[in-house]
ModelCIF file with pLDDT and N, C-alpha, C, O atoms, coordinates in Angstrom:
data_MODEL
#
_entry.id   MODEL 
#
_entity.id                         1 
_entity.type                       polymer 
_entity.pdbx_number_of_molecules   1 
#
_entity_poly.entity_id                      1 
_entity_poly.type                           'polypeptide(L)' 
_entity_poly.nstd_linkage                   no 
_entity_poly.nstd_monomer                   no 
_entity_poly.pdbx_seq_one_letter_code       
;(UNK)(UNK)(UNK)(UNK)(UNK)(UNK)(UNK)(UNK)(UNK)(UNK)(UNK)(UNK)(UNK)(UNK)(UNK)(UNK)
(UNK)(UNK)(UNK)(UNK)(UNK)(UNK)(UNK)(UNK)(UNK)(UNK)(UNK)(UNK)(UNK)(UNK)(UNK)(UNK)
(UNK)(UNK)(UNK)(UNK)(UNK)(UNK)
;
_entity_poly.pdbx_seq_one_letter_code_can   XXXXXXXXXXXXXXXXXXXXXXXXXXXXXXXXXXXXXX 
_entity_poly.pdbx_strand_id                 A 
#
loop_
_entity_poly_seq.entity_id 
_entity_poly_seq.num 
_entity_poly_seq.mon_id 
_entity_poly_seq.hetero 
1 1  UNK n 
1 2  UNK n 
1 3  UNK n 
1 4  UNK n 
1 5  UNK n 
1 6  UNK n 
1 7  UNK n 
1 8  UNK n 
1 9  UNK n 
1 10 UNK n 
1 11 UNK n 
1 12 UNK n 
1 13 UNK n 
1 14 UNK n 
1 15 UNK n 
1 16 UNK n 
1 17 UNK n 
1 18 UNK n 
1 19 UNK n 
1 20 UNK n 
1 21 UNK n 
1 22 UNK n 
1 23 UNK n 
1 24 UNK n 
1 25 UNK n 
1 26 UNK n 
1 27 UNK n 
1 28 UNK n 
1 29 UNK n 
1 30 UNK n 
1 31 UNK n 
1 32 UNK n 
1 33 UNK n 
1 34 UNK n 
1 35 UNK n 
1 36 UNK n 
1 37 UNK n 
1 38 UNK n 
#
_struct_asym.id          A 
_struct_asym.entity_id   1 
#
loop_
_ma_qa_metric.id 
_ma_qa_metric.mode 
_ma_qa_metric.name 
_ma_qa_metric.software_group_id 
_ma_qa_metric.type 
1 global pLDDT . pLDDT 
2 local  pLDDT . pLDDT 
#
_ma_qa_metric_global.metric_id      1 
_ma_qa_metric_global.metric_value   94.58 
_ma_qa_metric_global.model_id       1 
_ma_qa_metric_global.ordinal_id     1 
#
loop_
_ma_qa_metric_local.label_asym_id 
_ma_qa_metric_local.label_comp_id 
_ma_qa_metric_local.label_seq_id 
_ma_qa_metric_local.metric_id 
_ma_qa_metric_local.metric_value 
_ma_qa_metric_local.model_id 
_ma_qa_metric_local.ordinal_id 
A UNK 1  2 97.00 1 1  
A UNK 2  2 96.00 1 2  
A UNK 3  2 96.00 1 3  
A UNK 4  2 95.00 1 4  
A UNK 5  2 93.00 1 5  
A UNK 6  2 94.00 1 6  
A UNK 7  2 95.00 1 7  
A UNK 8  2 96.00 1 8  
A UNK 9  2 96.00 1 9  
A UNK 10 2 96.00 1 10 
A UNK 11 2 95.00 1 11 
A UNK 12 2 94.00 1 12 
A UNK 13 2 94.00 1 13 
A UNK 14 2 93.00 1 14 
A UNK 15 2 92.00 1 15 
A UNK 16 2 93.00 1 16 
A UNK 17 2 94.00 1 17 
A UNK 18 2 94.00 1 18 
A UNK 19 2 94.00 1 19 
A UNK 20 2 94.00 1 20 
A UNK 21 2 95.00 1 21 
A UNK 22 2 96.00 1 22 
A UNK 23 2 97.00 1 23 
A UNK 24 2 97.00 1 24 
A UNK 25 2 97.00 1 25 
A UNK 26 2 97.00 1 26 
A UNK 27 2 96.00 1 27 
A UNK 28 2 96.00 1 28 
A UNK 29 2 94.00 1 29 
A UNK 30 2 93.00 1 30 
A UNK 31 2 95.00 1 31 
A UNK 32 2 92.00 1 32 
A UNK 33 2 94.00 1 33 
A UNK 34 2 91.00 1 34 
A UNK 35 2 94.00 1 35 
A UNK 36 2 95.00 1 36 
A UNK 37 2 93.00 1 37 
A UNK 38 2 91.00 1 38 
#
loop_
_atom_site.group_PDB 
_atom_site.id 
_atom_site.type_symbol 
_atom_site.label_atom_id 
_atom_site.label_alt_id 
_atom_site.label_comp_id 
_atom_site.label_asym_id 
_atom_site.label_entity_id 
_atom_site.label_seq_id 
_atom_site.pdbx_PDB_ins_code 
_atom_site.Cartn_x 
_atom_site.Cartn_y 
_atom_site.Cartn_z 
_atom_site.occupancy 
_atom_site.B_iso_or_equiv 
_atom_site.pdbx_formal_charge 
_atom_site.auth_seq_id 
_atom_site.auth_comp_id 
_atom_site.auth_asym_id 
_atom_site.auth_atom_id 
_atom_site.pdbx_PDB_model_num 
ATOM 1   N N  . UNK A 1 1  ? 63.107 67.774 96.466  1.00 97.00 ? 1  UNK A N  1 
ATOM 2   C CA . UNK A 1 1  ? 63.181 66.890 95.371  1.00 97.00 ? 1  UNK A CA 1 
ATOM 3   C C  . UNK A 1 1  ? 63.903 67.569 94.242  1.00 97.00 ? 1  UNK A C  1 
ATOM 4   O O  . UNK A 1 1  ? 63.512 68.635 93.767  1.00 97.00 ? 1  UNK A O  1 
ATOM 5   N N  . UNK A 1 2  ? 64.934 66.943 93.839  1.00 96.00 ? 2  UNK A N  1 
ATOM 6   C CA . UNK A 1 2  ? 65.657 67.588 92.754  1.00 96.00 ? 2  UNK A CA 1 
ATOM 7   C C  . UNK A 1 2  ? 64.974 67.354 91.482  1.00 96.00 ? 2  UNK A C  1 
ATOM 8   O O  . UNK A 1 2  ? 64.063 66.526 91.455  1.00 96.00 ? 2  UNK A O  1 
ATOM 9   N N  . UNK A 1 3  ? 65.324 68.018 90.378  1.00 96.00 ? 3  UNK A N  1 
ATOM 10  C CA . UNK A 1 3  ? 64.576 67.978 89.183  1.00 96.00 ? 3  UNK A CA 1 
ATOM 11  C C  . UNK A 1 3  ? 64.756 66.720 88.323  1.00 96.00 ? 3  UNK A C  1 
ATOM 12  O O  . UNK A 1 3  ? 65.743 66.005 88.496  1.00 96.00 ? 3  UNK A O  1 
ATOM 13  N N  . UNK A 1 4  ? 63.930 66.464 87.504  1.00 95.00 ? 4  UNK A N  1 
ATOM 14  C CA . UNK A 1 4  ? 63.686 65.305 86.559  1.00 95.00 ? 4  UNK A CA 1 
ATOM 15  C C  . UNK A 1 4  ? 64.247 65.504 85.258  1.00 95.00 ? 4  UNK A C  1 
ATOM 16  O O  . UNK A 1 4  ? 63.488 65.895 84.372  1.00 95.00 ? 4  UNK A O  1 
ATOM 17  N N  . UNK A 1 5  ? 65.678 65.259 84.953  1.00 93.00 ? 5  UNK A N  1 
ATOM 18  C CA . UNK A 1 5  ? 66.256 65.433 83.690  1.00 93.00 ? 5  UNK A CA 1 
ATOM 19  C C  . UNK A 1 5  ? 66.062 66.711 82.957  1.00 93.00 ? 5  UNK A C  1 
ATOM 20  O O  . UNK A 1 5  ? 65.849 66.808 81.749  1.00 93.00 ? 5  UNK A O  1 
ATOM 21  N N  . UNK A 1 6  ? 66.175 67.851 83.964  1.00 94.00 ? 6  UNK A N  1 
ATOM 22  C CA . UNK A 1 6  ? 66.045 69.340 83.454  1.00 94.00 ? 6  UNK A CA 1 
ATOM 23  C C  . UNK A 1 6  ? 66.771 69.985 84.626  1.00 94.00 ? 6  UNK A C  1 
ATOM 24  O O  . UNK A 1 6  ? 67.468 69.396 85.452  1.00 94.00 ? 6  UNK A O  1 
ATOM 25  N N  . UNK A 1 7  ? 66.473 71.420 84.566  1.00 95.00 ? 7  UNK A N  1 
ATOM 26  C CA . UNK A 1 7  ? 67.141 72.262 85.612  1.00 95.00 ? 7  UNK A CA 1 
ATOM 27  C C  . UNK A 1 7  ? 65.856 72.793 86.499  1.00 95.00 ? 7  UNK A C  1 
ATOM 28  O O  . UNK A 1 7  ? 64.679 72.809 86.138  1.00 95.00 ? 7  UNK A O  1 
ATOM 29  N N  . UNK A 1 8  ? 66.353 73.181 87.634  1.00 96.00 ? 8  UNK A N  1 
ATOM 30  C CA . UNK A 1 8  ? 65.166 73.979 88.474  1.00 96.00 ? 8  UNK A CA 1 
ATOM 31  C C  . UNK A 1 8  ? 66.017 75.113 89.178  1.00 96.00 ? 8  UNK A C  1 
ATOM 32  O O  . UNK A 1 8  ? 67.113 74.881 89.688  1.00 96.00 ? 8  UNK A O  1 
ATOM 33  N N  . UNK A 1 9  ? 65.460 76.275 89.164  1.00 96.00 ? 9  UNK A N  1 
ATOM 34  C CA . UNK A 1 9  ? 66.019 77.339 89.957  1.00 96.00 ? 9  UNK A CA 1 
ATOM 35  C C  . UNK A 1 9  ? 65.243 77.714 91.196  1.00 96.00 ? 9  UNK A C  1 
ATOM 36  O O  . UNK A 1 9  ? 64.013 77.687 91.203  1.00 96.00 ? 9  UNK A O  1 
ATOM 37  N N  . UNK A 1 10 ? 66.060 78.111 92.384  1.00 96.00 ? 10 UNK A N  1 
ATOM 38  C CA . UNK A 1 10 ? 65.480 78.501 93.625  1.00 96.00 ? 10 UNK A CA 1 
ATOM 39  C C  . UNK A 1 10 ? 66.071 79.762 93.966  1.00 96.00 ? 10 UNK A C  1 
ATOM 40  O O  . UNK A 1 10 ? 67.284 79.937 93.858  1.00 96.00 ? 10 UNK A O  1 
ATOM 41  N N  . UNK A 1 11 ? 65.201 80.748 94.416  1.00 95.00 ? 11 UNK A N  1 
ATOM 42  C CA . UNK A 1 11 ? 65.531 82.046 94.702  1.00 95.00 ? 11 UNK A CA 1 
ATOM 43  C C  . UNK A 1 11 ? 66.519 82.022 96.021  1.00 95.00 ? 11 UNK A C  1 
ATOM 44  O O  . UNK A 1 11 ? 66.114 81.328 96.953  1.00 95.00 ? 11 UNK A O  1 
ATOM 45  N N  . UNK A 1 12 ? 67.536 82.580 96.161  1.00 94.00 ? 12 UNK A N  1 
ATOM 46  C CA . UNK A 1 12 ? 68.467 82.632 97.238  1.00 94.00 ? 12 UNK A CA 1 
ATOM 47  C C  . UNK A 1 12 ? 68.095 84.001 98.156  1.00 94.00 ? 12 UNK A C  1 
ATOM 48  O O  . UNK A 1 12 ? 68.456 84.004 99.333  1.00 94.00 ? 12 UNK A O  1 
ATOM 49  N N  . UNK A 1 13 ? 67.505 84.944 97.709  1.00 94.00 ? 13 UNK A N  1 
ATOM 50  C CA . UNK A 1 13 ? 67.073 85.955 98.437  1.00 94.00 ? 13 UNK A CA 1 
ATOM 51  C C  . UNK A 1 13 ? 68.264 86.793 98.953  1.00 94.00 ? 13 UNK A C  1 
ATOM 52  O O  . UNK A 1 13 ? 68.165 87.413 100.012 1.00 94.00 ? 13 UNK A O  1 
ATOM 53  N N  . UNK A 1 14 ? 69.239 86.809 98.307  1.00 93.00 ? 14 UNK A N  1 
ATOM 54  C CA . UNK A 1 14 ? 70.436 87.592 98.766  1.00 93.00 ? 14 UNK A CA 1 
ATOM 55  C C  . UNK A 1 14 ? 70.541 88.769 97.879  1.00 93.00 ? 14 UNK A C  1 
ATOM 56  O O  . UNK A 1 14 ? 70.417 88.606 96.665  1.00 93.00 ? 14 UNK A O  1 
ATOM 57  N N  . UNK A 1 15 ? 70.766 89.986 98.396  1.00 92.00 ? 15 UNK A N  1 
ATOM 58  C CA . UNK A 1 15 ? 71.050 91.159 97.577  1.00 92.00 ? 15 UNK A CA 1 
ATOM 59  C C  . UNK A 1 15 ? 72.335 91.739 97.693  1.00 92.00 ? 15 UNK A C  1 
ATOM 60  O O  . UNK A 1 15 ? 73.052 91.410 98.638  1.00 92.00 ? 15 UNK A O  1 
ATOM 61  N N  . UNK A 1 16 ? 72.753 92.644 96.768  1.00 93.00 ? 16 UNK A N  1 
ATOM 62  C CA . UNK A 1 16 ? 74.088 93.312 96.783  1.00 93.00 ? 16 UNK A CA 1 
ATOM 63  C C  . UNK A 1 16 ? 75.178 92.342 96.782  1.00 93.00 ? 16 UNK A C  1 
ATOM 64  O O  . UNK A 1 16 ? 76.113 92.587 97.544  1.00 93.00 ? 16 UNK A O  1 
ATOM 65  N N  . UNK A 1 17 ? 75.234 91.257 96.046  1.00 94.00 ? 17 UNK A N  1 
ATOM 66  C CA . UNK A 1 17 ? 76.353 90.361 95.936  1.00 94.00 ? 17 UNK A CA 1 
ATOM 67  C C  . UNK A 1 17 ? 77.427 90.956 95.023  1.00 94.00 ? 17 UNK A C  1 
ATOM 68  O O  . UNK A 1 17 ? 77.196 91.283 93.859  1.00 94.00 ? 17 UNK A O  1 
ATOM 69  N N  . UNK A 1 18 ? 78.612 91.075 95.621  1.00 94.00 ? 18 UNK A N  1 
ATOM 70  C CA . UNK A 1 18 ? 79.723 91.478 94.939  1.00 94.00 ? 18 UNK A CA 1 
ATOM 71  C C  . UNK A 1 18 ? 80.379 90.487 94.040  1.00 94.00 ? 18 UNK A C  1 
ATOM 72  O O  . UNK A 1 18 ? 80.498 90.714 92.836  1.00 94.00 ? 18 UNK A O  1 
ATOM 73  N N  . UNK A 1 19 ? 80.829 89.337 94.629  1.00 94.00 ? 19 UNK A N  1 
ATOM 74  C CA . UNK A 1 19 ? 81.432 88.294 94.057  1.00 94.00 ? 19 UNK A CA 1 
ATOM 75  C C  . UNK A 1 19 ? 80.830 86.953 94.739  1.00 94.00 ? 19 UNK A C  1 
ATOM 76  O O  . UNK A 1 19 ? 80.619 86.833 95.946  1.00 94.00 ? 19 UNK A O  1 
ATOM 77  N N  . UNK A 1 20 ? 80.601 86.001 93.790  1.00 94.00 ? 20 UNK A N  1 
ATOM 78  C CA . UNK A 1 20 ? 80.214 84.568 94.283  1.00 94.00 ? 20 UNK A CA 1 
ATOM 79  C C  . UNK A 1 20 ? 81.536 83.854 94.303  1.00 94.00 ? 20 UNK A C  1 
ATOM 80  O O  . UNK A 1 20 ? 82.284 83.833 93.325  1.00 94.00 ? 20 UNK A O  1 
ATOM 81  N N  . UNK A 1 21 ? 81.775 83.318 95.351  1.00 95.00 ? 21 UNK A N  1 
ATOM 82  C CA . UNK A 1 21 ? 82.914 82.503 95.652  1.00 95.00 ? 21 UNK A CA 1 
ATOM 83  C C  . UNK A 1 21 ? 82.984 81.162 95.424  1.00 95.00 ? 21 UNK A C  1 
ATOM 84  O O  . UNK A 1 21 ? 83.997 80.639 94.961  1.00 95.00 ? 21 UNK A O  1 
ATOM 85  N N  . UNK A 1 22 ? 81.774 80.422 95.770  1.00 96.00 ? 22 UNK A N  1 
ATOM 86  C CA . UNK A 1 22 ? 81.671 79.001 95.729  1.00 96.00 ? 22 UNK A CA 1 
ATOM 87  C C  . UNK A 1 22 ? 80.053 78.689 95.803  1.00 96.00 ? 22 UNK A C  1 
ATOM 88  O O  . UNK A 1 22 ? 79.267 79.258 96.561  1.00 96.00 ? 22 UNK A O  1 
ATOM 89  N N  . UNK A 1 23 ? 79.781 77.824 95.000  1.00 97.00 ? 23 UNK A N  1 
ATOM 90  C CA . UNK A 1 23 ? 78.446 77.127 94.969  1.00 97.00 ? 23 UNK A CA 1 
ATOM 91  C C  . UNK A 1 23 ? 78.576 75.746 95.038  1.00 97.00 ? 23 UNK A C  1 
ATOM 92  O O  . UNK A 1 23 ? 79.324 75.174 94.246  1.00 97.00 ? 23 UNK A O  1 
ATOM 93  N N  . UNK A 1 24 ? 77.856 75.042 96.002  1.00 97.00 ? 24 UNK A N  1 
ATOM 94  C CA . UNK A 1 24 ? 78.052 73.543 96.261  1.00 97.00 ? 24 UNK A CA 1 
ATOM 95  C C  . UNK A 1 24 ? 76.912 73.090 96.995  1.00 97.00 ? 24 UNK A C  1 
ATOM 96  O O  . UNK A 1 24 ? 76.078 73.914 97.373  1.00 97.00 ? 24 UNK A O  1 
ATOM 97  N N  . UNK A 1 25 ? 76.777 71.807 97.253  1.00 97.00 ? 25 UNK A N  1 
ATOM 98  C CA . UNK A 1 25 ? 75.826 71.181 97.912  1.00 97.00 ? 25 UNK A CA 1 
ATOM 99  C C  . UNK A 1 25 ? 75.975 69.816 98.258  1.00 97.00 ? 25 UNK A C  1 
ATOM 100 O O  . UNK A 1 25 ? 77.090 69.318 98.108  1.00 97.00 ? 25 UNK A O  1 
ATOM 101 N N  . UNK A 1 26 ? 75.018 69.103 98.708  1.00 97.00 ? 26 UNK A N  1 
ATOM 102 C CA . UNK A 1 26 ? 74.916 67.680 99.121  1.00 97.00 ? 26 UNK A CA 1 
ATOM 103 C C  . UNK A 1 26 ? 73.555 67.325 98.832  1.00 97.00 ? 26 UNK A C  1 
ATOM 104 O O  . UNK A 1 26 ? 72.614 68.109 98.945  1.00 97.00 ? 26 UNK A O  1 
ATOM 105 N N  . UNK A 1 27 ? 73.440 65.784 98.346  1.00 96.00 ? 27 UNK A N  1 
ATOM 106 C CA . UNK A 1 27 ? 72.108 65.318 98.294  1.00 96.00 ? 27 UNK A CA 1 
ATOM 107 C C  . UNK A 1 27 ? 72.006 63.990 99.111  1.00 96.00 ? 27 UNK A C  1 
ATOM 108 O O  . UNK A 1 27 ? 72.958 63.405 99.628  1.00 96.00 ? 27 UNK A O  1 
ATOM 109 N N  . UNK A 1 28 ? 70.850 63.656 99.139  1.00 96.00 ? 28 UNK A N  1 
ATOM 110 C CA . UNK A 1 28 ? 70.628 62.412 100.055 1.00 96.00 ? 28 UNK A CA 1 
ATOM 111 C C  . UNK A 1 28 ? 69.258 61.665 99.648  1.00 96.00 ? 28 UNK A C  1 
ATOM 112 O O  . UNK A 1 28 ? 68.170 62.232 99.545  1.00 96.00 ? 28 UNK A O  1 
ATOM 113 N N  . UNK A 1 29 ? 69.484 60.398 99.451  1.00 94.00 ? 29 UNK A N  1 
ATOM 114 C CA . UNK A 1 29 ? 68.318 59.462 99.038  1.00 94.00 ? 29 UNK A CA 1 
ATOM 115 C C  . UNK A 1 29 ? 67.836 58.613 100.126 1.00 94.00 ? 29 UNK A C  1 
ATOM 116 O O  . UNK A 1 29 ? 66.938 57.803 99.896  1.00 94.00 ? 29 UNK A O  1 
ATOM 117 N N  . UNK A 1 30 ? 68.332 58.718 101.250 1.00 93.00 ? 30 UNK A N  1 
ATOM 118 C CA . UNK A 1 30 ? 67.924 57.927 102.428 1.00 93.00 ? 30 UNK A CA 1 
ATOM 119 C C  . UNK A 1 30 ? 68.888 56.812 102.793 1.00 93.00 ? 30 UNK A C  1 
ATOM 120 O O  . UNK A 1 30 ? 68.801 56.176 103.844 1.00 93.00 ? 30 UNK A O  1 
ATOM 121 N N  . UNK A 1 31 ? 69.880 56.599 101.796 1.00 95.00 ? 31 UNK A N  1 
ATOM 122 C CA . UNK A 1 31 ? 71.037 55.807 101.985 1.00 95.00 ? 31 UNK A CA 1 
ATOM 123 C C  . UNK A 1 31 ? 72.402 56.523 101.707 1.00 95.00 ? 31 UNK A C  1 
ATOM 124 O O  . UNK A 1 31 ? 73.326 56.400 102.511 1.00 95.00 ? 31 UNK A O  1 
ATOM 125 N N  . UNK A 1 32 ? 72.521 57.236 100.623 1.00 92.00 ? 32 UNK A N  1 
ATOM 126 C CA . UNK A 1 32 ? 73.732 57.808 100.181 1.00 92.00 ? 32 UNK A CA 1 
ATOM 127 C C  . UNK A 1 32 ? 73.713 59.297 100.185 1.00 92.00 ? 32 UNK A C  1 
ATOM 128 O O  . UNK A 1 32 ? 72.762 59.922 99.717  1.00 92.00 ? 32 UNK A O  1 
ATOM 129 N N  . UNK A 1 33 ? 74.774 59.877 100.717 1.00 94.00 ? 33 UNK A N  1 
ATOM 130 C CA . UNK A 1 33 ? 75.054 61.321 100.634 1.00 94.00 ? 33 UNK A CA 1 
ATOM 131 C C  . UNK A 1 33 ? 75.951 61.493 99.532  1.00 94.00 ? 33 UNK A C  1 
ATOM 132 O O  . UNK A 1 33 ? 77.007 60.862 99.485  1.00 94.00 ? 33 UNK A O  1 
ATOM 133 N N  . UNK A 1 34 ? 75.577 62.373 98.565  1.00 91.00 ? 34 UNK A N  1 
ATOM 134 C CA . UNK A 1 34 ? 76.453 62.713 97.283  1.00 91.00 ? 34 UNK A CA 1 
ATOM 135 C C  . UNK A 1 34 ? 76.711 64.204 97.388  1.00 91.00 ? 34 UNK A C  1 
ATOM 136 O O  . UNK A 1 34 ? 75.838 65.032 97.647  1.00 91.00 ? 34 UNK A O  1 
ATOM 137 N N  . UNK A 1 35 ? 78.142 64.501 97.134  1.00 94.00 ? 35 UNK A N  1 
ATOM 138 C CA . UNK A 1 35 ? 78.447 66.079 97.009  1.00 94.00 ? 35 UNK A CA 1 
ATOM 139 C C  . UNK A 1 35 ? 77.911 66.504 95.654  1.00 94.00 ? 35 UNK A C  1 
ATOM 140 O O  . UNK A 1 35 ? 77.690 65.710 94.740  1.00 94.00 ? 35 UNK A O  1 
ATOM 141 N N  . UNK A 1 36 ? 77.711 67.875 95.591  1.00 95.00 ? 36 UNK A N  1 
ATOM 142 C CA . UNK A 1 36 ? 77.389 68.501 94.399  1.00 95.00 ? 36 UNK A CA 1 
ATOM 143 C C  . UNK A 1 36 ? 78.334 69.578 94.219  1.00 95.00 ? 36 UNK A C  1 
ATOM 144 O O  . UNK A 1 36 ? 78.607 70.324 95.160  1.00 95.00 ? 36 UNK A O  1 
ATOM 145 N N  . UNK A 1 37 ? 78.874 69.718 93.027  1.00 93.00 ? 37 UNK A N  1 
ATOM 146 C CA . UNK A 1 37 ? 78.631 68.895 91.808  1.00 93.00 ? 37 UNK A CA 1 
ATOM 147 C C  . UNK A 1 37 ? 78.959 67.374 92.089  1.00 93.00 ? 37 UNK A C  1 
ATOM 148 O O  . UNK A 1 37 ? 79.756 67.043 92.967  1.00 93.00 ? 37 UNK A O  1 
ATOM 149 N N  . UNK A 1 38 ? 78.350 66.549 91.353  1.00 91.00 ? 38 UNK A N  1 
ATOM 150 C CA . UNK A 1 38 ? 78.452 65.180 91.372  1.00 91.00 ? 38 UNK A CA 1 
ATOM 151 C C  . UNK A 1 38 ? 78.789 64.699 89.912  1.00 91.00 ? 38 UNK A C  1 
ATOM 152 O O  . UNK A 1 38 ? 78.931 63.500 89.674  1.00 91.00 ? 38 UNK A O  1 
#
């Protein structure tokens, strides 16, 4: 469940990151798929 008019952080449990190249996602509400950022 995404946040309600705020931000929420989730640990990704990755260590030793040199470069972050891309961050993206997708949401679903039972009908629509939305790309993120949206």
